[in-house]
Amino acid sequence: MKYLRSFFNIVALPLILLFIWFLGSLGEANFFIPTPQLLVETFIETWTSERFISDVFPSLGRLMIGIVLSIVIGIVAGLFIGSFRWLRALLEPTLEFFRAIPPPVLIPVIMLLIGIGDEMKVSVIVLGAVWPILLNTIEGVRSMDEVLADTSRTYGMTKVNSVRYLILPSAMPQIMAGIRQSLSIALILMVISEMFASTEGLGFAIVQFQRSFAIPEMWSGIVLLGLIGVVLSFLFQFAERWILGWYHGLREIEQSA
């Protein structure tokens, strides 16, 4: 019953919106907004062909590389910066400055520095997606209980064990919150980076459809991006439940007490 209710909560609103869309398109042809039936037919025809390999696979590869690099860089740098109060105070103004710069405006600069290949696209993803992870990691380390830190030093825990068993678990809820924000940012930047000097990718395909007035195909690309976002969200929720199982269990105990 619980899983049935969860499934209903997931599909109820999309089905309602599709039904409203279907009713709104009855007896009225609109060149810019295809009917649900036409969109489904176009989606299957467009993305089950060789275009899936030529455009979707490269985009997903760059997206995954960008996300992994963002996670590694954000956590490692965040643990290091967050562990030293003087370093946090020194770098905070600079980090806030670079965080405020929208990554898309850096695309021309990155193209000049490293070219227009995959390195440019991955760099754009990392430059935007790393900030929520980095800043959340710093904040998670900073907000760690000082009593636990003093206790670990009293018992002579090495720095490596302190990071592994104390600092990282303590900061992990905020790190995961940062990763959740970074996933949507990475997907957006993946599309934007492929709209500049690119010959393949989802962003390139959507722009080409728009320029050639292939409106149903353009909408099918947008729908595919949404589906990729949904899959990423579900994968993240599964990973979060596994990594933070102890944290959610503790909260359930506190709420039931």
Protein backbone atom coordinates (compact mmCIF):
# COMPACT_ATOMS: atom_id res chain seq x y z
CA MET A 1 0.00 0.00 0.00
CA LYS A 2 2.86 2.35 0.84
CA TYR A 3 4.58 1.77 -2.53
CA LEU A 4 1.27 2.15 -4.37
CA ARG A 5 0.70 5.51 -2.68
CA SER A 6 4.22 6.62 -3.58
CA PHE A 7 3.71 5.60 -7.20
CA PHE A 8 0.41 7.48 -7.33
CA ASN A 9 2.06 10.61 -5.90
CA ILE A 10 4.72 10.44 -8.62
CA VAL A 11 2.44 9.99 -11.64
CA ALA A 12 -0.72 11.83 -10.54
CA LEU A 13 0.29 15.40 -11.42
CA PRO A 14 1.97 14.50 -14.77
CA LEU A 15 -1.14 12.58 -15.83
CA ILE A 16 -3.39 15.50 -14.86
CA LEU A 17 -1.21 17.94 -16.83
CA LEU A 18 -1.21 15.61 -19.86
CA PHE A 19 -4.99 15.37 -19.69
CA ILE A 20 -5.33 19.17 -19.55
CA TRP A 21 -2.89 19.48 -22.47
CA PHE A 22 -4.89 16.92 -24.45
CA LEU A 23 -8.18 18.74 -23.82
CA GLY A 24 -6.63 22.08 -24.72
CA SER A 25 -5.34 20.74 -28.06
CA LEU A 26 -8.65 19.21 -29.18
CA GLY A 27 -9.96 20.78 -32.39
CA GLU A 28 -7.19 23.38 -32.50
CA ALA A 29 -3.95 23.17 -34.47
CA ASN A 30 -1.02 25.21 -33.15
CA PHE A 31 2.24 25.21 -35.07
CA PHE A 32 4.32 26.08 -32.00
CA ILE A 33 2.76 23.62 -29.53
CA PRO A 34 2.30 20.04 -30.81
CA THR A 35 -0.42 17.74 -29.56
CA PRO A 36 0.54 15.02 -27.05
CA GLN A 37 0.09 12.32 -29.69
CA LEU A 38 2.31 14.11 -32.21
CA LEU A 39 4.94 14.77 -29.55
CA VAL A 40 5.05 11.11 -28.51
CA GLU A 41 5.36 9.97 -32.13
CA THR A 42 8.08 12.53 -32.82
CA PHE A 43 9.93 11.63 -29.61
CA ILE A 44 10.06 7.94 -30.54
CA GLU A 45 11.05 8.68 -34.11
CA THR A 46 13.75 11.19 -33.18
CA TRP A 47 15.43 9.65 -30.16
CA THR A 48 15.28 5.93 -30.97
CA SER A 49 17.40 6.44 -34.09
CA GLU A 50 21.13 6.99 -34.51
CA ARG A 51 20.66 10.49 -33.06
CA PHE A 52 20.51 8.95 -29.59
CA ILE A 53 24.07 7.68 -30.02
CA SER A 54 25.39 10.74 -31.85
CA ASP A 55 23.83 13.39 -29.57
CA VAL A 56 22.59 11.91 -26.28
CA PHE A 57 25.53 9.65 -25.39
CA PRO A 58 28.17 12.42 -25.72
CA SER A 59 26.01 14.78 -23.64
CA LEU A 60 25.51 12.21 -20.89
CA GLY A 61 29.22 11.41 -20.88
CA ARG A 62 30.19 15.05 -20.43
CA LEU A 63 27.48 15.49 -17.81
CA MET A 64 28.69 12.53 -15.74
CA ILE A 65 32.34 13.61 -15.96
CA GLY A 66 31.40 17.15 -14.93
CA ILE A 67 29.33 15.95 -11.97
CA VAL A 68 32.03 13.56 -10.72
CA LEU A 69 34.75 16.22 -11.00
CA SER A 70 32.53 18.74 -9.22
CA ILE A 71 31.88 16.32 -6.37
CA VAL A 72 35.54 15.38 -5.95
CA ILE A 73 36.86 18.95 -6.20
CA GLY A 74 34.08 20.38 -4.03
CA ILE A 75 34.44 17.84 -1.21
CA VAL A 76 38.25 17.74 -1.13
CA ALA A 77 38.66 21.52 -1.30
CA GLY A 78 35.76 22.07 1.10
CA LEU A 79 37.22 19.71 3.71
CA PHE A 80 40.59 21.43 3.49
CA ILE A 81 39.26 25.00 3.59
CA GLY A 82 36.67 24.24 6.26
CA SER A 83 39.26 22.68 8.57
CA PHE A 84 41.17 25.94 9.04
CA ARG A 85 39.36 28.98 10.37
CA TRP A 86 41.99 31.42 9.11
CA LEU A 87 41.84 29.92 5.62
CA ARG A 88 38.04 30.23 5.55
CA ALA A 89 38.28 33.89 6.51
CA LEU A 90 40.98 34.50 3.92
CA LEU A 91 39.22 32.81 0.99
CA GLU A 92 35.58 33.67 1.71
CA PRO A 93 35.50 37.01 -0.21
CA THR A 94 37.26 35.45 -3.21
CA LEU A 95 34.99 32.40 -3.25
CA GLU A 96 31.89 34.60 -3.07
CA PHE A 97 33.22 36.68 -5.97
CA PHE A 98 33.78 33.71 -8.27
CA ARG A 99 30.54 32.04 -7.19
CA ALA A 100 28.60 35.11 -8.29
CA ILE A 101 29.97 34.96 -11.85
CA PRO A 102 27.51 33.07 -14.11
CA PRO A 103 29.47 30.26 -15.83
CA PRO A 104 27.88 30.89 -19.28
CA VAL A 105 29.58 34.31 -19.50
CA LEU A 106 32.93 32.54 -19.14
CA ILE A 107 32.35 30.33 -22.18
CA PRO A 108 34.07 32.76 -24.65
CA VAL A 109 37.07 33.01 -22.32
CA ILE A 110 37.26 29.23 -21.87
CA MET A 111 36.99 28.74 -25.64
CA LEU A 112 39.99 31.03 -26.13
CA LEU A 113 42.03 29.28 -23.44
CA ILE A 114 41.34 25.57 -24.04
CA GLY A 115 39.49 25.42 -27.37
CA ILE A 116 36.01 24.26 -28.31
CA GLY A 117 36.28 20.54 -27.58
CA ASP A 118 34.85 18.44 -24.79
CA GLU A 119 37.28 20.02 -22.32
CA MET A 120 35.49 23.36 -22.71
CA LYS A 121 32.06 21.83 -22.14
CA VAL A 122 33.16 19.84 -19.10
CA SER A 123 34.93 22.91 -17.68
CA VAL A 124 31.74 24.97 -17.95
CA ILE A 125 29.80 22.26 -16.09
CA VAL A 126 32.40 22.04 -13.33
CA LEU A 127 32.73 25.82 -12.93
CA GLY A 128 29.01 26.07 -12.20
CA ALA A 129 28.24 22.80 -10.40
CA VAL A 130 31.17 22.82 -7.97
CA TRP A 131 30.04 25.83 -5.92
CA PRO A 132 27.06 24.37 -4.03
CA ILE A 133 29.15 21.32 -3.09
CA LEU A 134 32.19 23.37 -2.09
CA LEU A 135 30.31 25.91 0.00
CA ASN A 136 28.07 23.32 1.65
CA THR A 137 31.10 21.20 2.52
CA ILE A 138 32.85 24.20 4.09
CA GLU A 139 29.72 25.05 6.08
CA GLY A 140 29.27 21.41 7.13
CA VAL A 141 32.84 21.22 8.44
CA ARG A 142 32.53 24.61 10.14
CA SER A 143 29.33 23.65 11.96
CA MET A 144 30.75 20.41 13.36
CA ASP A 145 30.31 19.98 17.11
CA GLU A 146 33.40 21.38 18.82
CA VAL A 147 33.00 18.89 21.67
CA LEU A 148 33.43 16.00 19.24
CA ALA A 149 36.47 17.67 17.70
CA ASP A 150 38.07 18.18 21.14
CA THR A 151 37.27 14.59 22.11
CA SER A 152 38.93 13.22 18.96
CA ARG A 153 42.07 15.25 19.70
CA THR A 154 42.06 14.08 23.32
CA TYR A 155 41.96 10.44 22.26
CA GLY A 156 44.77 11.04 19.78
CA MET A 157 42.88 10.35 16.55
CA THR A 158 45.02 10.88 13.48
CA LYS A 159 43.97 13.54 10.97
CA VAL A 160 43.01 10.90 8.41
CA ASN A 161 40.81 8.99 10.87
CA SER A 162 39.33 12.24 12.13
CA VAL A 163 38.29 13.20 8.59
CA ARG A 164 37.00 9.71 7.80
CA TYR A 165 35.07 8.94 10.98
CA LEU A 166 34.16 12.36 12.34
CA ILE A 167 34.37 15.34 9.97
CA LEU A 168 33.07 13.73 6.78
CA PRO A 169 30.04 11.98 8.38
CA SER A 170 29.19 15.17 10.28
CA ALA A 171 29.28 17.27 7.11
CA MET A 172 27.70 14.66 4.82
CA PRO A 173 24.05 15.83 5.16
CA GLN A 174 25.03 19.31 3.94
CA ILE A 175 27.33 17.86 1.28
CA MET A 176 24.47 15.80 -0.13
CA ALA A 177 22.26 18.90 -0.13
CA GLY A 178 24.92 20.65 -2.19
CA ILE A 179 25.15 17.73 -4.62
CA ARG A 180 21.38 17.82 -5.11
CA GLN A 181 21.60 21.49 -6.15
CA SER A 182 24.58 20.79 -8.40
CA LEU A 183 22.76 18.13 -10.44
CA SER A 184 20.26 20.59 -11.89
CA ILE A 185 22.98 23.20 -12.43
CA ALA A 186 25.14 20.66 -14.26
CA LEU A 187 22.25 19.65 -16.54
CA ILE A 188 21.53 23.28 -17.44
CA LEU A 189 25.18 24.04 -18.14
CA MET A 190 25.53 20.89 -20.21
CA VAL A 191 22.87 22.21 -22.59
CA ILE A 192 24.25 25.76 -22.64
CA SER A 193 27.82 24.63 -23.32
CA GLU A 194 26.61 22.61 -26.33
CA MET A 195 24.97 25.63 -27.90
CA PHE A 196 28.37 27.25 -28.55
CA ALA A 197 30.66 26.05 -31.38
CA SER A 198 29.37 22.48 -31.12
CA THR A 199 28.55 19.84 -33.71
CA GLU A 200 26.80 17.30 -31.48
CA GLY A 201 24.94 17.03 -28.20
CA LEU A 202 21.44 17.65 -26.91
CA GLY A 203 21.87 21.41 -26.74
CA PHE A 204 23.18 21.50 -30.30
CA ALA A 205 20.30 19.32 -31.54
CA ILE A 206 17.62 21.46 -29.87
CA VAL A 207 19.07 24.66 -31.37
CA GLN A 208 19.25 23.03 -34.81
CA PHE A 209 15.61 21.95 -34.55
CA GLN A 210 14.59 25.48 -33.53
CA ARG A 211 16.51 27.09 -36.39
CA SER A 212 15.01 24.71 -38.96
CA PHE A 213 11.48 25.18 -37.52
CA ALA A 214 11.27 21.49 -36.58
CA ILE A 215 9.06 22.42 -33.64
CA PRO A 216 7.87 18.92 -32.56
CA GLU A 217 11.48 17.69 -32.65
CA MET A 218 12.56 20.69 -30.58
CA TRP A 219 9.91 19.95 -27.96
CA SER A 220 10.92 16.27 -27.94
CA GLY A 221 14.47 17.33 -27.05
CA ILE A 222 13.16 19.45 -24.19
CA VAL A 223 11.09 16.52 -22.93
CA LEU A 224 14.16 14.28 -23.09
CA LEU A 225 16.10 16.78 -20.97
CA GLY A 226 13.30 16.70 -18.42
CA LEU A 227 13.35 12.90 -18.34
CA ILE A 228 17.12 12.93 -17.81
CA GLY A 229 16.60 15.30 -14.89
CA VAL A 230 13.97 13.00 -13.38
CA VAL A 231 16.26 9.97 -13.68
CA LEU A 232 19.12 11.89 -12.06
CA SER A 233 16.81 12.92 -9.23
CA PHE A 234 15.70 9.34 -8.54
CA LEU A 235 19.27 8.03 -8.70
CA PHE A 236 20.34 10.73 -6.27
CA GLN A 237 17.51 9.90 -3.86
CA PHE A 238 18.54 6.23 -3.91
CA ALA A 239 22.19 7.13 -3.26
CA GLU A 240 21.22 9.58 -0.53
CA ARG A 241 19.13 6.99 1.32
CA TRP A 242 22.05 4.57 1.19
CA ILE A 243 24.76 7.06 2.22
CA LEU A 244 22.67 8.87 4.85
CA GLY A 245 20.73 5.87 6.14
CA TRP A 246 22.10 6.46 9.65
CA TYR A 247 21.10 10.12 9.50
CA HIS A 248 17.51 9.51 8.40
CA GLY A 249 17.18 6.73 10.98
CA LEU A 250 18.34 9.09 13.71
CA ARG A 251 15.86 11.75 12.64
CA GLU A 252 13.00 9.23 12.65
CA ILE A 253 13.93 8.22 16.21
CA GLU A 254 14.06 11.86 17.31
CA GLN A 255 10.68 12.62 15.72
CA SER A 256 9.02 9.57 17.30
CA ALA A 257 10.44 10.36 20.75
